[in-house]
N, C-alpha and C. Protein backbone atom coordinates (compact mmCIF):
# COMPACT_ATOMS: atom_id res chain seq x y z
N MET A 1 0.44 -18.18 9.44
CA MET A 1 -0.01 -17.35 8.34
C MET A 1 0.88 -17.62 7.13
N ASN A 2 0.26 -17.91 6.01
CA ASN A 2 1.00 -18.26 4.81
C ASN A 2 1.11 -17.05 3.88
N ILE A 3 2.31 -16.50 3.78
CA ILE A 3 2.55 -15.36 2.88
C ILE A 3 3.11 -15.90 1.58
N THR A 4 2.50 -15.47 0.48
CA THR A 4 2.88 -15.97 -0.84
C THR A 4 3.24 -14.80 -1.74
N ALA A 5 4.20 -15.01 -2.62
CA ALA A 5 4.53 -13.98 -3.61
C ALA A 5 3.31 -13.78 -4.51
N ILE A 6 3.05 -12.55 -4.88
CA ILE A 6 1.88 -12.21 -5.68
C ILE A 6 1.86 -12.95 -7.02
N GLU A 7 3.04 -13.27 -7.55
CA GLU A 7 3.11 -13.98 -8.84
C GLU A 7 2.51 -15.38 -8.76
N GLU A 8 2.41 -15.91 -7.55
CA GLU A 8 1.87 -17.26 -7.38
C GLU A 8 0.34 -17.29 -7.32
N VAL A 9 -0.28 -16.12 -7.35
CA VAL A 9 -1.74 -16.01 -7.31
C VAL A 9 -2.21 -15.59 -8.70
N SER A 10 -3.37 -16.09 -9.11
CA SER A 10 -3.85 -15.75 -10.45
C SER A 10 -4.06 -14.24 -10.58
N LYS A 11 -3.66 -13.72 -11.73
CA LYS A 11 -3.79 -12.28 -12.00
C LYS A 11 -5.25 -11.85 -11.88
N ASP A 12 -6.18 -12.69 -12.31
CA ASP A 12 -7.61 -12.36 -12.22
C ASP A 12 -8.04 -12.18 -10.77
N LYS A 13 -7.56 -13.06 -9.90
CA LYS A 13 -7.91 -12.97 -8.47
C LYS A 13 -7.35 -11.68 -7.87
N VAL A 14 -6.13 -11.33 -8.25
CA VAL A 14 -5.52 -10.10 -7.75
C VAL A 14 -6.30 -8.88 -8.25
N LYS A 15 -6.63 -8.87 -9.54
CA LYS A 15 -7.39 -7.74 -10.11
C LYS A 15 -8.76 -7.60 -9.43
N LYS A 16 -9.42 -8.72 -9.21
CA LYS A 16 -10.74 -8.68 -8.56
C LYS A 16 -10.62 -8.09 -7.16
N PHE A 17 -9.59 -8.51 -6.42
CA PHE A 17 -9.36 -7.99 -5.07
C PHE A 17 -9.12 -6.48 -5.12
N LEU A 18 -8.23 -6.05 -6.02
CA LEU A 18 -7.92 -4.62 -6.13
C LEU A 18 -9.14 -3.81 -6.56
N ASN A 19 -9.93 -4.34 -7.48
CA ASN A 19 -11.15 -3.65 -7.91
C ASN A 19 -12.11 -3.46 -6.74
N SER A 20 -12.23 -4.49 -5.90
CA SER A 20 -13.18 -4.39 -4.80
C SER A 20 -12.70 -3.44 -3.71
N HIS A 21 -11.39 -3.22 -3.59
CA HIS A 21 -10.88 -2.37 -2.52
C HIS A 21 -10.45 -0.98 -2.97
N TRP A 22 -10.13 -0.81 -4.24
CA TRP A 22 -9.64 0.47 -4.73
C TRP A 22 -10.43 1.00 -5.92
N GLY A 23 -11.41 0.24 -6.39
CA GLY A 23 -12.19 0.67 -7.56
C GLY A 23 -11.55 0.27 -8.88
N SER A 24 -10.28 -0.02 -8.86
CA SER A 24 -9.53 -0.48 -10.03
C SER A 24 -8.14 -0.89 -9.55
N PRO A 25 -7.37 -1.58 -10.39
CA PRO A 25 -6.00 -1.91 -9.99
C PRO A 25 -5.07 -0.70 -10.05
N GLU A 26 -5.56 0.40 -10.61
CA GLU A 26 -4.73 1.59 -10.80
C GLU A 26 -4.62 2.40 -9.51
N MET A 27 -3.40 2.75 -9.16
CA MET A 27 -3.11 3.59 -8.00
C MET A 27 -2.44 4.86 -8.53
N VAL A 28 -2.99 6.01 -8.19
CA VAL A 28 -2.45 7.28 -8.63
C VAL A 28 -2.01 8.05 -7.38
N ILE A 29 -0.70 8.23 -7.27
CA ILE A 29 -0.12 8.99 -6.16
C ILE A 29 1.00 9.87 -6.72
N THR A 30 1.51 10.73 -5.90
CA THR A 30 2.52 11.68 -6.35
C THR A 30 3.71 11.00 -7.02
N SER A 31 4.10 9.84 -6.53
CA SER A 31 5.29 9.18 -7.08
C SER A 31 5.04 8.52 -8.44
N GLY A 32 3.77 8.41 -8.86
CA GLY A 32 3.49 7.82 -10.17
C GLY A 32 2.11 7.22 -10.28
N ILE A 33 1.87 6.62 -11.43
CA ILE A 33 0.63 5.89 -11.72
C ILE A 33 1.02 4.43 -11.87
N TYR A 34 0.37 3.58 -11.07
CA TYR A 34 0.76 2.18 -11.02
C TYR A 34 -0.45 1.27 -11.24
N ASP A 35 -0.23 0.21 -12.01
CA ASP A 35 -1.20 -0.87 -12.08
C ASP A 35 -0.74 -1.89 -11.05
N CYS A 36 -1.41 -1.89 -9.90
CA CYS A 36 -0.96 -2.73 -8.79
C CYS A 36 -1.01 -4.21 -9.12
N SER A 37 -1.82 -4.60 -10.12
CA SER A 37 -1.89 -6.02 -10.48
C SER A 37 -0.62 -6.49 -11.20
N THR A 38 0.22 -5.54 -11.61
CA THR A 38 1.46 -5.91 -12.31
C THR A 38 2.71 -5.71 -11.45
N LEU A 39 2.53 -5.20 -10.23
CA LEU A 39 3.66 -4.92 -9.35
C LEU A 39 4.07 -6.16 -8.57
N GLU A 40 5.29 -6.10 -8.04
CA GLU A 40 5.73 -7.14 -7.12
C GLU A 40 4.96 -6.98 -5.82
N GLY A 41 4.81 -8.09 -5.10
CA GLY A 41 4.11 -8.00 -3.83
C GLY A 41 3.96 -9.35 -3.17
N PHE A 42 3.17 -9.34 -2.11
CA PHE A 42 2.89 -10.54 -1.33
C PHE A 42 1.40 -10.58 -1.00
N THR A 43 0.89 -11.80 -0.80
CA THR A 43 -0.50 -11.98 -0.44
C THR A 43 -0.61 -12.92 0.75
N VAL A 44 -1.75 -12.85 1.41
CA VAL A 44 -2.14 -13.84 2.39
C VAL A 44 -3.47 -14.40 1.90
N ILE A 45 -3.54 -15.72 1.78
CA ILE A 45 -4.73 -16.41 1.28
C ILE A 45 -5.33 -17.22 2.43
N ASN A 46 -6.66 -17.16 2.57
CA ASN A 46 -7.31 -17.93 3.64
C ASN A 46 -7.62 -19.36 3.19
N GLU A 47 -8.27 -20.11 4.07
CA GLU A 47 -8.60 -21.52 3.80
C GLU A 47 -9.57 -21.67 2.63
N GLU A 48 -10.36 -20.64 2.36
CA GLU A 48 -11.31 -20.67 1.25
C GLU A 48 -10.67 -20.22 -0.06
N ASP A 49 -9.35 -20.08 -0.06
CA ASP A 49 -8.58 -19.67 -1.23
C ASP A 49 -8.92 -18.24 -1.69
N GLU A 50 -9.23 -17.38 -0.70
CA GLU A 50 -9.50 -15.97 -0.98
C GLU A 50 -8.36 -15.12 -0.44
N ILE A 51 -8.07 -14.04 -1.14
CA ILE A 51 -7.06 -13.09 -0.66
C ILE A 51 -7.64 -12.35 0.54
N ILE A 52 -6.91 -12.38 1.66
CA ILE A 52 -7.33 -11.59 2.82
C ILE A 52 -6.30 -10.52 3.17
N GLY A 53 -5.19 -10.50 2.44
CA GLY A 53 -4.18 -9.46 2.61
C GLY A 53 -3.34 -9.37 1.36
N LEU A 54 -2.99 -8.14 0.98
CA LEU A 54 -2.18 -7.94 -0.23
C LEU A 54 -1.36 -6.67 -0.07
N ILE A 55 -0.09 -6.76 -0.43
CA ILE A 55 0.79 -5.59 -0.43
C ILE A 55 1.53 -5.56 -1.76
N THR A 56 1.67 -4.36 -2.32
CA THR A 56 2.46 -4.20 -3.55
C THR A 56 3.52 -3.15 -3.30
N TYR A 57 4.61 -3.26 -4.06
CA TYR A 57 5.72 -2.34 -3.87
C TYR A 57 6.54 -2.24 -5.15
N ILE A 58 7.38 -1.22 -5.19
CA ILE A 58 8.37 -1.08 -6.26
C ILE A 58 9.72 -0.79 -5.61
N ILE A 59 10.76 -1.14 -6.31
CA ILE A 59 12.12 -0.82 -5.84
C ILE A 59 12.79 0.03 -6.91
N ARG A 60 13.28 1.19 -6.48
CA ARG A 60 14.05 2.09 -7.34
C ARG A 60 15.36 2.37 -6.64
N ASP A 61 16.44 2.09 -7.34
CA ASP A 61 17.77 2.31 -6.76
C ASP A 61 17.86 1.61 -5.41
N ASN A 62 18.08 2.35 -4.35
CA ASN A 62 18.21 1.73 -3.03
C ASN A 62 17.03 2.06 -2.12
N GLU A 63 15.86 2.30 -2.75
CA GLU A 63 14.65 2.60 -1.99
C GLU A 63 13.51 1.69 -2.43
N CYS A 64 12.69 1.32 -1.46
CA CYS A 64 11.50 0.51 -1.71
C CYS A 64 10.29 1.38 -1.37
N GLU A 65 9.31 1.39 -2.25
CA GLU A 65 8.09 2.14 -1.98
C GLU A 65 6.91 1.18 -1.95
N ILE A 66 6.20 1.18 -0.83
CA ILE A 66 4.96 0.42 -0.73
C ILE A 66 3.89 1.21 -1.47
N ILE A 67 3.25 0.58 -2.42
CA ILE A 67 2.22 1.25 -3.23
C ILE A 67 0.83 0.99 -2.66
N SER A 68 0.56 -0.24 -2.25
CA SER A 68 -0.75 -0.53 -1.66
C SER A 68 -0.60 -1.58 -0.57
N LEU A 69 -1.49 -1.50 0.41
CA LEU A 69 -1.57 -2.50 1.47
C LEU A 69 -3.03 -2.62 1.87
N ASP A 70 -3.53 -3.84 1.85
CA ASP A 70 -4.90 -4.11 2.29
C ASP A 70 -4.90 -5.36 3.15
N SER A 71 -5.62 -5.28 4.25
CA SER A 71 -5.85 -6.43 5.11
C SER A 71 -7.34 -6.47 5.41
N ILE A 72 -7.97 -7.58 5.08
CA ILE A 72 -9.42 -7.70 5.26
C ILE A 72 -9.79 -7.97 6.71
N GLU A 73 -8.95 -8.69 7.41
CA GLU A 73 -9.23 -9.09 8.78
C GLU A 73 -8.26 -8.37 9.71
N GLU A 74 -8.69 -7.22 10.20
CA GLU A 74 -7.82 -6.40 11.05
C GLU A 74 -7.57 -7.06 12.39
N GLY A 75 -6.41 -6.77 12.95
CA GLY A 75 -6.07 -7.25 14.28
C GLY A 75 -5.50 -8.66 14.33
N ARG A 76 -5.25 -9.27 13.17
CA ARG A 76 -4.70 -10.63 13.14
C ARG A 76 -3.23 -10.66 12.74
N GLY A 77 -2.63 -9.49 12.52
CA GLY A 77 -1.22 -9.44 12.16
C GLY A 77 -0.95 -9.59 10.67
N ILE A 78 -1.99 -9.56 9.86
CA ILE A 78 -1.81 -9.73 8.41
C ILE A 78 -1.03 -8.57 7.82
N GLY A 79 -1.46 -7.35 8.11
CA GLY A 79 -0.76 -6.17 7.59
C GLY A 79 0.67 -6.10 8.06
N THR A 80 0.88 -6.36 9.34
CA THR A 80 2.23 -6.35 9.90
C THR A 80 3.12 -7.38 9.20
N SER A 81 2.60 -8.59 9.01
CA SER A 81 3.38 -9.65 8.35
C SER A 81 3.72 -9.27 6.92
N LEU A 82 2.78 -8.64 6.21
CA LEU A 82 3.05 -8.24 4.83
C LEU A 82 4.11 -7.14 4.77
N VAL A 83 4.02 -6.16 5.66
CA VAL A 83 5.03 -5.10 5.70
C VAL A 83 6.40 -5.69 6.03
N GLN A 84 6.45 -6.61 6.99
CA GLN A 84 7.72 -7.25 7.34
C GLN A 84 8.30 -8.04 6.16
N ALA A 85 7.43 -8.67 5.38
CA ALA A 85 7.90 -9.41 4.20
C ALA A 85 8.54 -8.46 3.19
N VAL A 86 7.93 -7.30 2.99
CA VAL A 86 8.50 -6.30 2.07
C VAL A 86 9.82 -5.78 2.62
N GLU A 87 9.86 -5.47 3.91
CA GLU A 87 11.10 -4.97 4.51
C GLU A 87 12.23 -5.99 4.37
N SER A 88 11.95 -7.25 4.62
CA SER A 88 12.97 -8.30 4.49
C SER A 88 13.47 -8.39 3.06
N PHE A 89 12.55 -8.33 2.10
CA PHE A 89 12.94 -8.39 0.69
C PHE A 89 13.77 -7.16 0.33
N ALA A 90 13.35 -5.99 0.81
CA ALA A 90 14.08 -4.75 0.52
C ALA A 90 15.50 -4.80 1.07
N ILE A 91 15.66 -5.35 2.25
CA ILE A 91 17.00 -5.49 2.84
C ILE A 91 17.86 -6.39 1.95
N LYS A 92 17.29 -7.51 1.47
CA LYS A 92 18.04 -8.41 0.58
C LYS A 92 18.46 -7.70 -0.70
N LYS A 93 17.64 -6.74 -1.14
CA LYS A 93 17.94 -5.98 -2.36
C LYS A 93 18.80 -4.75 -2.07
N LYS A 94 19.32 -4.66 -0.84
CA LYS A 94 20.22 -3.58 -0.42
C LYS A 94 19.55 -2.20 -0.36
N CYS A 95 18.24 -2.18 -0.15
CA CYS A 95 17.54 -0.91 0.01
C CYS A 95 17.89 -0.27 1.35
N LYS A 96 17.97 1.04 1.35
CA LYS A 96 18.29 1.78 2.56
C LYS A 96 17.05 2.19 3.34
N LEU A 97 15.91 2.32 2.62
CA LEU A 97 14.70 2.74 3.29
C LEU A 97 13.47 2.23 2.56
N VAL A 98 12.35 2.25 3.29
CA VAL A 98 11.03 1.97 2.73
C VAL A 98 10.21 3.23 2.89
N ARG A 99 9.51 3.59 1.84
CA ARG A 99 8.65 4.77 1.88
C ARG A 99 7.26 4.38 1.44
N LEU A 100 6.30 5.23 1.75
CA LEU A 100 4.94 5.04 1.28
C LEU A 100 4.22 6.37 1.35
N ILE A 101 3.11 6.42 0.66
CA ILE A 101 2.26 7.62 0.68
C ILE A 101 0.85 7.18 1.04
N THR A 102 0.21 7.92 1.95
CA THR A 102 -1.20 7.71 2.26
C THR A 102 -1.90 9.05 2.25
N THR A 103 -3.20 9.03 2.36
CA THR A 103 -3.96 10.28 2.33
C THR A 103 -4.25 10.77 3.74
N ASN A 104 -4.55 12.04 3.84
CA ASN A 104 -4.75 12.70 5.14
C ASN A 104 -5.91 12.10 5.94
N ASP A 105 -6.86 11.46 5.30
CA ASP A 105 -8.01 10.89 6.02
C ASP A 105 -7.71 9.52 6.61
N ASN A 106 -6.62 8.90 6.19
CA ASN A 106 -6.36 7.51 6.55
C ASN A 106 -5.63 7.42 7.90
N LEU A 107 -6.38 7.76 8.94
CA LEU A 107 -5.82 7.79 10.28
C LEU A 107 -5.38 6.41 10.75
N LEU A 108 -6.11 5.37 10.33
CA LEU A 108 -5.70 4.01 10.69
C LEU A 108 -4.33 3.67 10.11
N ALA A 109 -4.09 4.05 8.85
CA ALA A 109 -2.79 3.79 8.24
C ALA A 109 -1.69 4.60 8.93
N LEU A 110 -1.97 5.85 9.24
CA LEU A 110 -0.97 6.68 9.92
C LEU A 110 -0.58 6.06 11.26
N LYS A 111 -1.57 5.58 11.99
CA LYS A 111 -1.30 4.93 13.28
C LYS A 111 -0.55 3.61 13.06
N PHE A 112 -1.02 2.80 12.12
CA PHE A 112 -0.43 1.49 11.83
C PHE A 112 1.05 1.62 11.50
N TYR A 113 1.38 2.49 10.55
CA TYR A 113 2.77 2.59 10.10
C TYR A 113 3.68 3.20 11.16
N GLN A 114 3.21 4.20 11.89
CA GLN A 114 4.06 4.79 12.92
C GLN A 114 4.37 3.79 14.03
N LYS A 115 3.42 2.92 14.36
CA LYS A 115 3.67 1.90 15.37
C LYS A 115 4.73 0.90 14.90
N ARG A 116 4.95 0.84 13.59
CA ARG A 116 5.91 -0.10 13.02
C ARG A 116 7.20 0.58 12.58
N GLY A 117 7.47 1.76 13.14
CA GLY A 117 8.76 2.41 12.93
C GLY A 117 8.83 3.42 11.80
N PHE A 118 7.74 3.67 11.11
CA PHE A 118 7.74 4.68 10.05
C PHE A 118 7.57 6.06 10.68
N VAL A 119 8.17 7.06 10.06
CA VAL A 119 8.04 8.44 10.53
C VAL A 119 7.46 9.31 9.43
N LEU A 120 6.71 10.33 9.85
CA LEU A 120 6.17 11.28 8.89
C LEU A 120 7.32 12.03 8.27
N SER A 121 7.29 12.13 6.95
CA SER A 121 8.42 12.71 6.25
C SER A 121 8.05 13.97 5.47
N LYS A 122 6.88 13.95 4.85
CA LYS A 122 6.53 15.04 3.96
C LYS A 122 5.02 15.16 3.86
N LEU A 123 4.52 16.40 3.84
CA LEU A 123 3.11 16.68 3.57
C LEU A 123 3.02 17.23 2.15
N LEU A 124 2.20 16.58 1.34
CA LEU A 124 2.01 16.99 -0.05
C LEU A 124 0.61 17.60 -0.16
N SER A 125 0.53 18.91 0.10
CA SER A 125 -0.75 19.61 0.14
C SER A 125 -1.45 19.56 -1.20
N ASP A 126 -2.74 19.27 -1.17
CA ASP A 126 -3.61 19.27 -2.35
C ASP A 126 -3.19 18.26 -3.42
N ALA A 127 -2.37 17.28 -3.08
CA ALA A 127 -1.89 16.30 -4.06
C ALA A 127 -3.02 15.44 -4.62
N VAL A 128 -4.07 15.21 -3.85
CA VAL A 128 -5.15 14.34 -4.30
C VAL A 128 -5.95 15.01 -5.42
N LYS A 129 -5.98 16.33 -5.43
CA LYS A 129 -6.66 17.06 -6.51
C LYS A 129 -6.04 16.68 -7.87
N LYS A 130 -4.73 16.62 -7.92
CA LYS A 130 -4.03 16.23 -9.15
C LYS A 130 -4.32 14.77 -9.50
N ALA A 131 -4.34 13.92 -8.48
CA ALA A 131 -4.61 12.49 -8.71
C ALA A 131 -6.02 12.29 -9.26
N ARG A 132 -6.99 13.09 -8.81
CA ARG A 132 -8.37 12.96 -9.30
C ARG A 132 -8.50 13.31 -10.78
N GLU A 133 -7.59 14.15 -11.28
CA GLU A 133 -7.62 14.47 -12.71
C GLU A 133 -7.35 13.22 -13.55
N ILE A 134 -6.58 12.29 -13.00
CA ILE A 134 -6.25 11.04 -13.69
C ILE A 134 -7.23 9.93 -13.31
N LYS A 135 -7.60 9.88 -12.02
CA LYS A 135 -8.52 8.85 -11.51
C LYS A 135 -9.69 9.54 -10.81
N PRO A 136 -10.69 9.95 -11.58
CA PRO A 136 -11.79 10.75 -11.01
C PRO A 136 -12.64 10.00 -9.98
N GLU A 137 -12.54 8.68 -9.90
CA GLU A 137 -13.34 7.94 -8.92
C GLU A 137 -12.80 8.05 -7.50
N ILE A 138 -11.67 8.73 -7.31
CA ILE A 138 -11.18 8.96 -5.93
C ILE A 138 -12.23 9.82 -5.22
N PRO A 139 -12.74 9.34 -4.10
CA PRO A 139 -13.81 10.10 -3.42
C PRO A 139 -13.30 11.42 -2.84
N PHE A 140 -14.23 12.33 -2.62
CA PHE A 140 -13.89 13.62 -2.02
C PHE A 140 -13.91 13.54 -0.49
N ILE A 141 -14.72 12.64 0.04
CA ILE A 141 -14.82 12.46 1.48
C ILE A 141 -14.34 11.06 1.81
N GLY A 142 -13.47 10.97 2.81
CA GLY A 142 -12.88 9.68 3.17
C GLY A 142 -13.32 9.20 4.53
N ASN A 143 -12.43 8.50 5.18
CA ASN A 143 -12.70 7.91 6.49
C ASN A 143 -13.14 8.97 7.49
N ASP A 144 -14.13 8.62 8.30
CA ASP A 144 -14.63 9.49 9.37
C ASP A 144 -15.13 10.84 8.86
N GLY A 145 -15.54 10.90 7.58
CA GLY A 145 -16.07 12.14 7.03
C GLY A 145 -15.01 13.20 6.75
N ILE A 146 -13.76 12.82 6.72
CA ILE A 146 -12.66 13.76 6.50
C ILE A 146 -12.48 13.99 5.00
N PRO A 147 -12.47 15.26 4.56
CA PRO A 147 -12.20 15.54 3.14
C PRO A 147 -10.81 15.02 2.75
N ILE A 148 -10.74 14.32 1.62
CA ILE A 148 -9.46 13.79 1.14
C ILE A 148 -8.82 14.85 0.26
N ARG A 149 -7.71 15.42 0.72
CA ARG A 149 -7.03 16.48 -0.02
C ARG A 149 -5.54 16.23 -0.19
N ASP A 150 -4.91 15.80 0.87
CA ASP A 150 -3.45 15.79 0.93
C ASP A 150 -2.90 14.37 0.96
N GLU A 151 -1.64 14.25 0.56
CA GLU A 151 -0.90 13.01 0.72
C GLU A 151 0.16 13.23 1.79
N ILE A 152 0.43 12.17 2.52
CA ILE A 152 1.45 12.21 3.57
C ILE A 152 2.45 11.09 3.27
N GLU A 153 3.72 11.45 3.20
CA GLU A 153 4.77 10.46 2.97
C GLU A 153 5.32 10.02 4.32
N LEU A 154 5.52 8.71 4.45
CA LEU A 154 6.15 8.13 5.62
C LEU A 154 7.38 7.36 5.18
N LEU A 155 8.41 7.35 6.03
CA LEU A 155 9.67 6.66 5.73
C LEU A 155 10.09 5.78 6.89
N LYS A 156 10.80 4.71 6.55
CA LYS A 156 11.44 3.89 7.57
C LYS A 156 12.82 3.53 7.07
N VAL A 157 13.83 3.89 7.84
CA VAL A 157 15.21 3.55 7.51
C VAL A 157 15.42 2.09 7.89
N LEU A 158 15.99 1.34 6.96
CA LEU A 158 16.25 -0.08 7.20
C LEU A 158 17.64 -0.25 7.78
N THR A 159 17.76 -1.18 8.72
CA THR A 159 19.06 -1.40 9.35
C THR A 159 19.53 -2.82 9.11
């Protein structure tokens, strides 16, 4: 699997990918408003030169926050490889932990991250209501028909 720094992929290709998976490159979460097409990150590109995995993150002080993670082909280790790439980079930058925020409906993400050593850290009740004021295209109903209301923070201490 070939993991590439996001800067090595055309900005248009990254924006197109983010638009198709998030509705726009903009991510609105409790920690801030981010244009994921301008963030640091890593990609996985297939043989047809298409993005099949993308992760973005920011580093503040001694903490790394994953802002977005998408893997088109589940079960192939793409998401795991991208998270490991961020963790390795964060360690080089002397980060003490990696954090992320997901929504209450994203049971796959909750399972995925906990299997990789992340722990539930904080429940941000009704946080998505505030995010919708900025990004109204956030749906009201998410995965498995679950109403999207809350954000859940997960942390992993780096060693």
